[in-house]
N, C-alpha and C. Protein backbone atom coordinates (compact mmCIF):
# COMPACT_ATOMS: atom_id res chain seq x y z
N MET A 1 2.36 -19.22 -4.74
CA MET A 1 1.73 -17.95 -4.47
C MET A 1 1.01 -17.45 -5.71
N ASN A 2 -0.23 -17.04 -5.55
CA ASN A 2 -1.03 -16.63 -6.68
C ASN A 2 -1.08 -15.11 -6.78
N GLN A 3 -0.33 -14.55 -7.69
CA GLN A 3 -0.31 -13.10 -7.83
C GLN A 3 -1.54 -12.59 -8.55
N GLN A 4 -2.44 -13.47 -9.02
CA GLN A 4 -3.69 -13.02 -9.59
C GLN A 4 -4.57 -12.42 -8.49
N LEU A 5 -4.17 -12.58 -7.26
CA LEU A 5 -4.88 -11.96 -6.16
C LEU A 5 -4.61 -10.46 -6.11
N VAL A 6 -3.63 -10.01 -6.88
CA VAL A 6 -3.32 -8.59 -6.98
C VAL A 6 -3.68 -8.15 -8.39
N GLU A 7 -4.43 -7.05 -8.48
CA GLU A 7 -4.81 -6.55 -9.79
C GLU A 7 -4.69 -5.04 -9.83
N SER A 8 -4.66 -4.51 -11.03
CA SER A 8 -4.58 -3.07 -11.23
C SER A 8 -5.57 -2.68 -12.30
N ASN A 9 -6.43 -1.71 -11.97
CA ASN A 9 -7.46 -1.25 -12.89
C ASN A 9 -7.52 0.27 -12.75
N PRO A 10 -7.39 1.00 -13.85
CA PRO A 10 -7.40 2.46 -13.77
C PRO A 10 -8.66 3.02 -13.10
N LYS A 11 -9.73 2.24 -13.07
CA LYS A 11 -10.98 2.72 -12.47
C LYS A 11 -11.07 2.42 -10.97
N VAL A 12 -10.08 1.70 -10.45
CA VAL A 12 -10.08 1.36 -9.02
C VAL A 12 -8.82 1.94 -8.39
N MET A 13 -8.99 2.82 -7.43
CA MET A 13 -7.87 3.43 -6.70
C MET A 13 -6.82 4.01 -7.64
N LYS A 14 -7.29 4.62 -8.72
CA LYS A 14 -6.43 5.28 -9.72
C LYS A 14 -5.38 4.34 -10.31
N GLY A 15 -5.70 3.05 -10.37
CA GLY A 15 -4.80 2.09 -10.99
C GLY A 15 -3.75 1.51 -10.08
N LYS A 16 -3.74 1.90 -8.80
CA LYS A 16 -2.77 1.31 -7.89
C LYS A 16 -3.06 -0.18 -7.74
N PRO A 17 -2.04 -1.00 -7.55
CA PRO A 17 -2.27 -2.43 -7.34
C PRO A 17 -3.08 -2.64 -6.06
N VAL A 18 -4.15 -3.43 -6.18
CA VAL A 18 -5.04 -3.72 -5.05
C VAL A 18 -5.24 -5.23 -4.94
N ILE A 19 -5.74 -5.64 -3.79
CA ILE A 19 -6.16 -7.03 -3.64
C ILE A 19 -7.40 -7.20 -4.50
N ALA A 20 -7.41 -8.20 -5.35
CA ALA A 20 -8.48 -8.40 -6.32
C ALA A 20 -9.85 -8.37 -5.64
N GLY A 21 -10.76 -7.60 -6.25
CA GLY A 21 -12.12 -7.51 -5.75
C GLY A 21 -12.30 -6.58 -4.57
N THR A 22 -11.23 -5.84 -4.20
CA THR A 22 -11.31 -4.91 -3.07
C THR A 22 -10.71 -3.58 -3.47
N ARG A 23 -10.73 -2.66 -2.54
CA ARG A 23 -10.04 -1.38 -2.72
C ARG A 23 -8.86 -1.30 -1.75
N ILE A 24 -8.40 -2.44 -1.28
CA ILE A 24 -7.26 -2.51 -0.36
C ILE A 24 -5.98 -2.49 -1.21
N THR A 25 -5.21 -1.42 -1.10
CA THR A 25 -4.00 -1.32 -1.93
C THR A 25 -2.84 -2.11 -1.33
N VAL A 26 -1.99 -2.59 -2.21
CA VAL A 26 -0.76 -3.24 -1.78
C VAL A 26 0.04 -2.25 -0.94
N GLU A 27 0.07 -1.02 -1.37
CA GLU A 27 0.79 0.03 -0.66
C GLU A 27 0.31 0.15 0.80
N SER A 28 -1.00 0.17 1.00
CA SER A 28 -1.50 0.33 2.38
C SER A 28 -1.17 -0.89 3.23
N LEU A 29 -1.22 -2.07 2.65
CA LEU A 29 -0.85 -3.27 3.40
C LEU A 29 0.62 -3.21 3.81
N LEU A 30 1.49 -2.83 2.89
CA LEU A 30 2.91 -2.72 3.21
C LEU A 30 3.17 -1.68 4.29
N GLU A 31 2.49 -0.55 4.20
CA GLU A 31 2.66 0.50 5.21
C GLU A 31 2.23 0.01 6.59
N LYS A 32 1.11 -0.70 6.65
CA LYS A 32 0.61 -1.21 7.93
C LYS A 32 1.55 -2.26 8.51
N LEU A 33 2.06 -3.15 7.66
CA LEU A 33 3.00 -4.16 8.13
C LEU A 33 4.30 -3.51 8.61
N ALA A 34 4.78 -2.51 7.86
CA ALA A 34 6.01 -1.81 8.23
C ALA A 34 5.83 -1.05 9.55
N ALA A 35 4.60 -0.61 9.83
CA ALA A 35 4.32 0.11 11.07
C ALA A 35 4.15 -0.82 12.26
N GLY A 36 4.20 -2.13 11.99
CA GLY A 36 4.15 -3.08 13.09
C GLY A 36 2.84 -3.84 13.26
N GLU A 37 1.86 -3.56 12.39
CA GLU A 37 0.62 -4.32 12.49
C GLU A 37 0.90 -5.77 12.10
N THR A 38 0.22 -6.68 12.74
CA THR A 38 0.41 -8.09 12.45
C THR A 38 -0.57 -8.55 11.38
N GLU A 39 -0.27 -9.70 10.80
CA GLU A 39 -1.18 -10.27 9.82
C GLU A 39 -2.55 -10.51 10.46
N GLU A 40 -2.56 -10.97 11.69
CA GLU A 40 -3.82 -11.24 12.38
C GLU A 40 -4.64 -9.95 12.52
N GLN A 41 -3.99 -8.84 12.83
CA GLN A 41 -4.69 -7.56 12.96
C GLN A 41 -5.27 -7.13 11.61
N LEU A 42 -4.52 -7.33 10.54
CA LEU A 42 -5.01 -6.98 9.21
C LEU A 42 -6.20 -7.84 8.82
N LEU A 43 -6.12 -9.13 9.09
CA LEU A 43 -7.22 -10.03 8.75
C LEU A 43 -8.49 -9.67 9.52
N LYS A 44 -8.32 -9.23 10.74
CA LYS A 44 -9.47 -8.82 11.56
C LYS A 44 -10.05 -7.49 11.05
N ALA A 45 -9.18 -6.57 10.67
CA ALA A 45 -9.63 -5.25 10.21
C ALA A 45 -10.28 -5.31 8.83
N TYR A 46 -9.85 -6.24 8.01
CA TYR A 46 -10.35 -6.36 6.63
C TYR A 46 -10.88 -7.78 6.42
N PRO A 47 -12.15 -8.02 6.70
CA PRO A 47 -12.70 -9.38 6.62
C PRO A 47 -12.55 -10.05 5.26
N ARG A 48 -12.46 -9.28 4.19
CA ARG A 48 -12.32 -9.87 2.84
C ARG A 48 -10.87 -10.25 2.53
N LEU A 49 -9.96 -9.84 3.38
CA LEU A 49 -8.54 -10.14 3.19
C LEU A 49 -8.25 -11.57 3.64
N THR A 50 -7.31 -12.22 2.96
CA THR A 50 -6.90 -13.57 3.33
C THR A 50 -5.39 -13.63 3.49
N HIS A 51 -4.93 -14.69 4.11
CA HIS A 51 -3.49 -14.91 4.23
C HIS A 51 -2.86 -14.93 2.84
N GLY A 52 -3.50 -15.64 1.92
CA GLY A 52 -2.97 -15.73 0.56
C GLY A 52 -2.87 -14.39 -0.13
N ALA A 53 -3.84 -13.50 0.14
CA ALA A 53 -3.81 -12.17 -0.47
C ALA A 53 -2.65 -11.35 0.09
N ILE A 54 -2.40 -11.47 1.39
CA ILE A 54 -1.27 -10.75 1.99
C ILE A 54 0.03 -11.27 1.40
N ALA A 55 0.16 -12.58 1.27
CA ALA A 55 1.36 -13.17 0.68
C ALA A 55 1.52 -12.72 -0.77
N ALA A 56 0.42 -12.63 -1.51
CA ALA A 56 0.48 -12.18 -2.90
C ALA A 56 0.91 -10.72 -2.98
N ALA A 57 0.44 -9.90 -2.04
CA ALA A 57 0.84 -8.49 -2.03
C ALA A 57 2.33 -8.36 -1.77
N LEU A 58 2.85 -9.14 -0.84
CA LEU A 58 4.29 -9.11 -0.55
C LEU A 58 5.09 -9.59 -1.76
N ALA A 59 4.62 -10.65 -2.41
CA ALA A 59 5.31 -11.17 -3.59
C ALA A 59 5.28 -10.14 -4.72
N PHE A 60 4.14 -9.48 -4.89
CA PHE A 60 4.01 -8.45 -5.91
C PHE A 60 5.02 -7.33 -5.66
N ALA A 61 5.11 -6.87 -4.42
CA ALA A 61 6.04 -5.80 -4.07
C ALA A 61 7.48 -6.23 -4.31
N ALA A 62 7.81 -7.44 -3.94
CA ALA A 62 9.17 -7.94 -4.14
C ALA A 62 9.50 -7.99 -5.63
N THR A 63 8.57 -8.46 -6.43
CA THR A 63 8.78 -8.53 -7.88
C THR A 63 8.94 -7.14 -8.46
N ALA A 64 8.14 -6.19 -7.99
CA ALA A 64 8.22 -4.82 -8.50
C ALA A 64 9.58 -4.21 -8.21
N LEU A 65 10.18 -4.57 -7.09
CA LEU A 65 11.48 -4.01 -6.72
C LEU A 65 12.66 -4.66 -7.46
N HIS A 66 12.38 -5.70 -8.21
CA HIS A 66 13.44 -6.33 -9.01
C HIS A 66 13.82 -5.49 -10.23
N ALA A 67 13.02 -4.50 -10.56
CA ALA A 67 13.32 -3.65 -11.71
C ALA A 67 14.63 -2.91 -11.46
N ASP A 68 15.32 -2.60 -12.53
CA ASP A 68 16.59 -1.90 -12.42
C ASP A 68 16.36 -0.40 -12.26
N VAL A 69 15.77 -0.04 -11.13
CA VAL A 69 15.47 1.35 -10.83
C VAL A 69 16.08 1.69 -9.48
N VAL A 70 16.68 2.87 -9.41
CA VAL A 70 17.25 3.32 -8.14
C VAL A 70 16.18 4.15 -7.43
N TYR A 71 15.93 3.82 -6.17
CA TYR A 71 14.95 4.54 -5.38
C TYR A 71 15.67 5.31 -4.29
N PRO A 72 16.07 6.56 -4.57
CA PRO A 72 16.77 7.33 -3.53
C PRO A 72 15.78 7.66 -2.40
N THR A 73 16.12 7.28 -1.21
CA THR A 73 15.24 7.52 -0.09
C THR A 73 16.00 7.43 1.22
N THR A 74 15.43 8.00 2.22
CA THR A 74 15.94 7.78 3.56
C THR A 74 14.76 7.25 4.37
N VAL A 75 14.98 6.18 5.07
CA VAL A 75 13.93 5.57 5.87
C VAL A 75 14.42 5.44 7.29
N ASP A 76 13.67 6.02 8.19
CA ASP A 76 14.01 5.88 9.61
C ASP A 76 13.32 4.65 10.15
N VAL A 77 14.10 3.80 10.81
CA VAL A 77 13.52 2.60 11.41
C VAL A 77 13.76 2.60 12.90
């Protein structure tokens, strides 16, 4: 998995991690997947998005959560 597909630049989306060369944030992809959208729906909605980019976004998020930080939250599923 190539995490170079995810980049962060203070001049793009206020520095949020995005798919390289786009303004598609990792956060928005995760929210859409969590809401039940499929990979196929995302690929259709965002023509510049690729399977590899979605996989890189998920890997980036997983790596970010490895930090020793407690995230107090309640999530309804």
